[in-house]
Amino acid sequence: MTPFQPIENANNADLRGSLLALQRAALRARQIAAQTGTAVVVVRNGVLEHIYPQAGHTDSAPQDAASVNGKAT
C-alpha cells in the first residue's frame, strides 16, 4: 500500500484544483444561506450540525483562491 500524497501533488489538474473549488463552493453556500435564512448542514467530529449563518457575516474566502486560478471569488 502506498502512503497518501497531498492532493496538490496529483497528476490530474482537476484533482489539484478540487480543494480550492470545494472551499469556494462552501463559501458561496454560506453566503446564500445567510441571505435566505437557511441552515448549512455540516458534519464535525461525526456529529451532524445545522448552522444558521448571520446575514452579512460569512467566512472569508481562502487567501489563495483568487491567486491560484486568477478569478475573483
N, C-alpha and C. Protein backbone atom coordinates (compact mmCIF):
# COMPACT_ATOMS: atom_id res chain seq x y z
N MET A 1 0.84 -1.18 0.00
CA MET A 1 0.00 0.00 0.00
C MET A 1 0.89 1.24 0.00
N THR A 2 0.58 2.19 -0.86
CA THR A 2 1.37 3.40 -0.92
C THR A 2 0.81 4.44 0.04
N PRO A 3 1.67 5.25 0.61
CA PRO A 3 1.17 6.29 1.52
C PRO A 3 0.41 7.37 0.74
N PHE A 4 -0.52 8.00 1.42
CA PHE A 4 -1.30 9.06 0.79
C PHE A 4 -0.43 10.27 0.53
N GLN A 5 -0.64 10.89 -0.63
CA GLN A 5 0.09 12.09 -1.02
C GLN A 5 -0.86 13.28 -0.96
N PRO A 6 -0.35 14.48 -0.77
CA PRO A 6 -1.22 15.67 -0.78
C PRO A 6 -1.90 15.82 -2.14
N ILE A 7 -3.14 16.28 -2.14
CA ILE A 7 -3.90 16.44 -3.37
C ILE A 7 -3.21 17.43 -4.32
N GLU A 8 -2.45 18.36 -3.78
CA GLU A 8 -1.75 19.34 -4.60
C GLU A 8 -0.68 18.68 -5.48
N ASN A 9 -0.30 17.46 -5.17
CA ASN A 9 0.71 16.74 -5.94
C ASN A 9 0.10 15.80 -6.98
N ALA A 10 -1.21 15.82 -7.15
CA ALA A 10 -1.87 14.91 -8.09
C ALA A 10 -1.43 15.21 -9.52
N ASN A 11 -1.41 14.18 -10.34
CA ASN A 11 -1.05 14.34 -11.75
C ASN A 11 -2.16 15.04 -12.53
N ASN A 12 -3.39 14.88 -12.09
CA ASN A 12 -4.55 15.44 -12.77
C ASN A 12 -4.81 16.87 -12.30
N ALA A 13 -4.89 17.81 -13.25
CA ALA A 13 -5.11 19.21 -12.91
C ALA A 13 -6.45 19.43 -12.20
N ASP A 14 -7.47 18.67 -12.59
CA ASP A 14 -8.78 18.80 -11.94
C ASP A 14 -8.69 18.43 -10.46
N LEU A 15 -7.95 17.38 -10.16
CA LEU A 15 -7.78 16.99 -8.76
C LEU A 15 -6.99 18.04 -7.99
N ARG A 16 -5.95 18.60 -8.59
CA ARG A 16 -5.15 19.61 -7.90
C ARG A 16 -5.98 20.83 -7.53
N GLY A 17 -6.95 21.19 -8.36
CA GLY A 17 -7.79 22.35 -8.10
C GLY A 17 -9.04 22.07 -7.30
N SER A 18 -9.28 20.80 -6.97
CA SER A 18 -10.54 20.44 -6.34
C SER A 18 -10.69 20.99 -4.93
N LEU A 19 -9.62 21.07 -4.16
CA LEU A 19 -9.74 21.58 -2.80
C LEU A 19 -10.19 23.04 -2.79
N LEU A 20 -9.57 23.86 -3.62
CA LEU A 20 -9.97 25.27 -3.69
C LEU A 20 -11.39 25.41 -4.22
N ALA A 21 -11.77 24.57 -5.17
CA ALA A 21 -13.14 24.62 -5.69
C ALA A 21 -14.14 24.29 -4.58
N LEU A 22 -13.84 23.31 -3.76
CA LEU A 22 -14.72 22.96 -2.64
C LEU A 22 -14.81 24.09 -1.63
N GLN A 23 -13.68 24.77 -1.39
CA GLN A 23 -13.68 25.89 -0.45
C GLN A 23 -14.52 27.05 -0.99
N ARG A 24 -14.41 27.31 -2.30
CA ARG A 24 -15.24 28.38 -2.90
C ARG A 24 -16.71 28.01 -2.83
N ALA A 25 -17.04 26.75 -3.08
CA ALA A 25 -18.43 26.31 -3.03
C ALA A 25 -18.99 26.42 -1.61
N ALA A 26 -18.19 26.08 -0.61
CA ALA A 26 -18.63 26.20 0.78
C ALA A 26 -18.88 27.65 1.15
N LEU A 27 -18.00 28.53 0.71
CA LEU A 27 -18.17 29.96 0.98
C LEU A 27 -19.47 30.47 0.34
N ARG A 28 -19.69 30.08 -0.91
CA ARG A 28 -20.91 30.53 -1.60
C ARG A 28 -22.16 29.96 -0.93
N ALA A 29 -22.09 28.72 -0.48
CA ALA A 29 -23.24 28.12 0.22
C ALA A 29 -23.55 28.90 1.50
N ARG A 30 -22.52 29.31 2.22
CA ARG A 30 -22.73 30.10 3.44
C ARG A 30 -23.31 31.48 3.12
N GLN A 31 -22.86 32.07 2.02
CA GLN A 31 -23.40 33.38 1.62
C GLN A 31 -24.88 33.27 1.29
N ILE A 32 -25.24 32.26 0.52
CA ILE A 32 -26.65 32.07 0.15
C ILE A 32 -27.48 31.72 1.38
N ALA A 33 -26.95 30.90 2.27
CA ALA A 33 -27.68 30.56 3.50
C ALA A 33 -27.94 31.80 4.35
N ALA A 34 -26.95 32.69 4.43
CA ALA A 34 -27.12 33.92 5.21
C ALA A 34 -28.18 34.81 4.58
N GLN A 35 -28.22 34.87 3.27
CA GLN A 35 -29.20 35.72 2.57
C GLN A 35 -30.62 35.17 2.70
N THR A 36 -30.75 33.86 2.75
CA THR A 36 -32.07 33.26 2.74
C THR A 36 -32.53 32.73 4.09
N GLY A 37 -31.66 32.80 5.11
CA GLY A 37 -32.03 32.29 6.43
C GLY A 37 -32.09 30.78 6.47
N THR A 38 -31.30 30.14 5.63
CA THR A 38 -31.28 28.68 5.53
C THR A 38 -30.08 28.12 6.28
N ALA A 39 -30.25 26.97 6.86
CA ALA A 39 -29.15 26.33 7.58
C ALA A 39 -28.16 25.71 6.61
N VAL A 40 -26.90 25.72 7.00
CA VAL A 40 -25.86 24.96 6.31
C VAL A 40 -25.64 23.72 7.17
N VAL A 41 -25.69 22.56 6.54
CA VAL A 41 -25.54 21.30 7.28
C VAL A 41 -24.10 20.83 7.12
N VAL A 42 -23.43 20.61 8.23
CA VAL A 42 -22.04 20.14 8.22
C VAL A 42 -21.90 18.97 9.19
N VAL A 43 -20.85 18.21 9.01
CA VAL A 43 -20.52 17.14 9.94
C VAL A 43 -19.20 17.49 10.58
N ARG A 44 -19.19 17.62 11.89
CA ARG A 44 -17.98 17.91 12.66
C ARG A 44 -17.79 16.81 13.69
N ASN A 45 -16.64 16.18 13.63
CA ASN A 45 -16.33 15.09 14.56
C ASN A 45 -17.43 14.04 14.59
N GLY A 46 -17.99 13.75 13.41
CA GLY A 46 -19.01 12.72 13.30
C GLY A 46 -20.39 13.14 13.74
N VAL A 47 -20.57 14.43 14.06
CA VAL A 47 -21.86 14.92 14.52
C VAL A 47 -22.45 15.86 13.46
N LEU A 48 -23.68 15.58 13.05
CA LEU A 48 -24.38 16.41 12.08
C LEU A 48 -24.86 17.69 12.75
N GLU A 49 -24.51 18.84 12.17
CA GLU A 49 -24.89 20.13 12.75
C GLU A 49 -25.59 20.99 11.71
N HIS A 50 -26.58 21.76 12.15
CA HIS A 50 -27.25 22.75 11.33
C HIS A 50 -26.76 24.12 11.80
N ILE A 51 -26.11 24.85 10.91
CA ILE A 51 -25.55 26.16 11.26
C ILE A 51 -26.34 27.21 10.50
N TYR A 52 -26.83 28.20 11.22
CA TYR A 52 -27.56 29.31 10.62
C TYR A 52 -26.64 30.53 10.58
N PRO A 53 -26.02 30.82 9.43
CA PRO A 53 -25.16 32.00 9.34
C PRO A 53 -25.98 33.27 9.53
N GLN A 54 -25.34 34.27 10.09
CA GLN A 54 -25.99 35.56 10.26
C GLN A 54 -25.89 36.35 8.97
N ALA A 55 -26.93 37.06 8.61
CA ALA A 55 -26.91 37.88 7.39
C ALA A 55 -25.77 38.89 7.49
N GLY A 56 -25.02 39.02 6.43
CA GLY A 56 -23.91 39.96 6.41
C GLY A 56 -22.65 39.45 7.05
N HIS A 57 -22.68 38.24 7.61
CA HIS A 57 -21.49 37.69 8.27
C HIS A 57 -21.22 36.31 7.69
N THR A 58 -20.19 36.22 6.84
CA THR A 58 -19.82 34.95 6.26
C THR A 58 -18.34 34.73 6.46
N ASP A 59 -17.91 33.50 6.30
CA ASP A 59 -16.49 33.20 6.37
C ASP A 59 -15.77 33.88 5.21
N SER A 60 -14.52 34.21 5.42
CA SER A 60 -13.76 34.84 4.36
C SER A 60 -13.31 33.78 3.36
N ALA A 61 -13.05 34.22 2.13
CA ALA A 61 -12.59 33.32 1.08
C ALA A 61 -11.19 32.83 1.40
N PRO A 62 -10.83 31.67 0.90
CA PRO A 62 -9.46 31.21 1.09
C PRO A 62 -8.49 32.23 0.52
N GLN A 63 -7.43 32.51 1.22
CA GLN A 63 -6.49 33.55 0.83
C GLN A 63 -5.94 33.37 -0.57
N ASP A 64 -5.66 32.11 -0.94
CA ASP A 64 -5.01 31.88 -2.21
C ASP A 64 -5.97 31.45 -3.32
N ALA A 65 -7.27 31.47 -3.09
CA ALA A 65 -8.22 31.00 -4.09
C ALA A 65 -8.15 31.84 -5.36
N ALA A 66 -8.15 33.14 -5.23
CA ALA A 66 -8.12 34.00 -6.41
C ALA A 66 -6.77 33.95 -7.11
N SER A 67 -5.71 33.85 -6.35
CA SER A 67 -4.39 33.86 -6.97
C SER A 67 -4.07 32.57 -7.72
N VAL A 68 -4.71 31.46 -7.32
CA VAL A 68 -4.43 30.19 -7.98
C VAL A 68 -5.04 30.14 -9.36
N ASN A 69 -6.30 30.56 -9.48
CA ASN A 69 -6.95 30.44 -10.77
C ASN A 69 -7.18 31.77 -11.46
N GLY A 70 -6.79 32.86 -10.84
CA GLY A 70 -6.90 34.17 -11.47
C GLY A 70 -8.29 34.73 -11.51
N LYS A 71 -9.24 34.11 -10.83
CA LYS A 71 -10.63 34.58 -10.83
C LYS A 71 -10.99 35.12 -9.47
N ALA A 72 -11.82 36.13 -9.48
CA ALA A 72 -12.34 36.64 -8.20
C ALA A 72 -13.39 35.70 -7.69
N THR A 73 -13.45 35.55 -6.37
CA THR A 73 -14.47 34.67 -5.78
C THR A 73 -15.63 35.46 -5.29
